[in-house]
C-alpha atoms as a PDB file:
ATOM      1  CA  MET A   1       0.000   0.000   0.000  1.00  0.00           C
ATOM      2  CA  PRO A   2       1.534   3.368  -1.015  1.00  0.00           C
ATOM      3  CA  THR A   3       2.222   6.004   1.623  1.00  0.00           C
ATOM      4  CA  TYR A   4       2.004   8.762  -0.975  1.00  0.00           C
ATOM      5  CA  GLN A   5      -1.018  11.047  -1.262  1.00  0.00           C
ATOM      6  CA  THR A   6      -1.696  12.758  -4.591  1.00  0.00           C
ATOM      7  CA  PRO A   7      -1.367  16.544  -4.373  1.00  0.00           C
ATOM      8  CA  ARG A   8      -4.516  18.477  -5.203  1.00  0.00           C
ATOM      9  CA  SER A   9      -2.810  20.023  -8.227  1.00  0.00           C
ATOM     10  CA  GLN A  10      -2.289  16.613  -9.835  1.00  0.00           C
ATOM     11  CA  ASP A  11      -5.027  14.589 -11.483  1.00  0.00           C
ATOM     12  CA  PRO A  12      -5.630  11.574  -9.194  1.00  0.00           C
ATOM     13  CA  SER A  13      -6.681   9.460 -12.181  1.00  0.00           C
ATOM     14  CA  LYS A  14      -3.141   9.661 -13.618  1.00  0.00           C
ATOM     15  CA  PRO A  15      -0.163   7.834 -12.123  1.00  0.00           C
ATOM     16  CA  ALA A  16       2.501   9.753 -10.226  1.00  0.00           C
ATOM     17  CA  TRP A  17       6.184   9.082 -10.890  1.00  0.00           C
ATOM     18  CA  PHE A  18       9.164   9.376  -8.565  1.00  0.00           C
ATOM     19  CA  TYR A  19      12.942   9.250  -8.821  1.00  0.00           C
ATOM     20  CA  CYS A  20      14.526   6.931  -6.233  1.00  0.00           C
ATOM     21  CA  LEU A  21      17.860   8.234  -4.957  1.00  0.00           C
ATOM     22  CA  ASP A  22      18.831   4.846  -3.493  1.00  0.00           C
ATOM     23  CA  HIS A  23      18.364   2.919  -6.732  1.00  0.00           C
ATOM     24  CA  ARG A  24      18.828   5.820  -9.170  1.00  0.00           C
ATOM     25  CA  THR A  25      15.752   4.814 -11.096  1.00  0.00           C
ATOM     26  CA  VAL A  26      12.205   5.941 -11.808  1.00  0.00           C
ATOM     27  CA  GLU A  27       9.429   4.211  -9.942  1.00  0.00           C
ATOM     28  CA  GLY A  28       5.686   4.450  -9.467  1.00  0.00           C
ATOM     29  CA  GLU A  29       3.690   5.183  -6.350  1.00  0.00           C
ATOM     30  CA  ASP A  30       4.456   1.782  -4.798  1.00  0.00           C
ATOM     31  CA  GLY A  31       8.210   2.311  -4.817  1.00  0.00           C
ATOM     32  CA  CYS A  32      10.679   3.048  -2.067  1.00  0.00           C
ATOM     33  CA  ARG A  33       9.972   5.132   1.024  1.00  0.00           C
ATOM     34  CA  ALA A  34       9.387   8.873   0.586  1.00  0.00           C
ATOM     35  CA  GLU A  35      12.649   9.852   2.314  1.00  0.00           C
ATOM     36  CA  VAL A  36      14.697   8.563  -0.614  1.00  0.00           C
ATOM     37  CA  ARG A  37      12.516   9.767  -3.484  1.00  0.00           C
ATOM     38  CA  LEU A  38      12.109  12.954  -5.472  1.00  0.00           C
ATOM     39  CA  GLY A  39       8.687  13.802  -6.794  1.00  0.00           C
ATOM     40  CA  PRO A  40       5.943  13.326  -7.562  1.00  0.00           C
ATOM     41  CA  TYR A  41       6.274  14.081 -11.246  1.00  0.00           C
ATOM     42  CA  PRO A  42       3.336  13.942 -13.665  1.00  0.00           C
ATOM     43  CA  THR A  43       5.215  11.890 -16.257  1.00  0.00           C
ATOM     44  CA  ARG A  44       7.885   9.218 -16.293  1.00  0.00           C
ATOM     45  CA  GLU A  45      10.033  11.452 -18.511  1.00  0.00           C
ATOM     46  CA  GLU A  46       9.967  14.287 -15.972  1.00  0.00           C
ATOM     47  CA  ALA A  47      10.918  11.865 -13.198  1.00  0.00           C
ATOM     48  CA  GLU A  48      13.841  10.649 -15.325  1.00  0.00           C
ATOM     49  CA  GLY A  49      15.113  14.247 -15.398  1.00  0.00           C
ATOM     50  CA  ALA A  50      14.736  14.754 -11.631  1.00  0.00           C
ATOM     51  CA  LEU A  51      18.434  15.247 -10.906  1.00  0.00           C
ATOM     52  CA  GLU A  52      18.754  17.820 -13.680  1.00  0.00           C
ATOM     53  CA  THR A  53      15.697  19.620 -12.306  1.00  0.00           C
ATOM     54  CA  VAL A  54      17.258  19.693  -8.828  1.00  0.00           C
ATOM     55  CA  GLU A  55      20.537  21.004 -10.211  1.00  0.00           C
ATOM     56  CA  LYS A  56      18.766  23.746 -12.180  1.00  0.00           C
ATOM     57  CA  ARG A  57      16.659  24.820  -9.192  1.00  0.00           C
ATOM     58  CA  ASN A  58      19.659  24.839  -6.876  1.00  0.00           C
ATOM     59  CA  GLU A  59      21.532  27.080  -9.296  1.00  0.00           C
ATOM     60  CA  GLU A  60      18.553  29.431  -9.545  1.00  0.00           C
ATOM     61  CA  TRP A  61      18.210  29.616  -5.771  1.00  0.00           C
ATOM     62  CA  ASP A  62      21.957  30.043  -5.249  1.00  0.00           C
ATOM     63  CA  THR A  63      21.930  33.083  -7.524  1.00  0.00           C
ATOM     64  CA  ASP A  64      18.590  34.545  -6.371  1.00  0.00           C
ATOM     65  CA  PRO A  65      19.288  37.955  -4.804  1.00  0.00           C
ATOM     66  CA  ALA A  66      16.314  37.573  -2.466  1.00  0.00           C
ATOM     67  CA  TRP A  67      18.058  34.612  -0.784  1.00  0.00           C
ATOM     68  CA  ASN A  68      21.575  35.991  -0.956  1.00  0.00           C
ATOM     69  CA  GLU A  69      21.278  39.472   0.527  1.00  0.00           C
ATOM     70  CA  GLU A  70      23.838  40.543   3.064  1.00  0.00           C
ATOM     71  CA  GLN A  71      22.393  40.596   6.570  1.00  0.00           C
ATOM     72  CA  ASP A  72      23.013  43.665   8.751  1.00  0.00           C
ATOM     73  CA  GLY A  73      24.441  43.188  12.201  1.00  0.00           C
END
């Protein structure tokens, strides 16, 4: 039985996909525990690109002035 609950923004009639960090593979809702997965993603293809998505977001956040302002005092 999956421990995952479909977010409201995702159509519950469509499968959710995850990227497992332990096995470095894409899996469905009945895969590994949530602590070692990225997702959910709406398609298998998006889940396959999970690490690239993380890298891109990290770069965006690392260079976002709102998160990198110098603190006074």
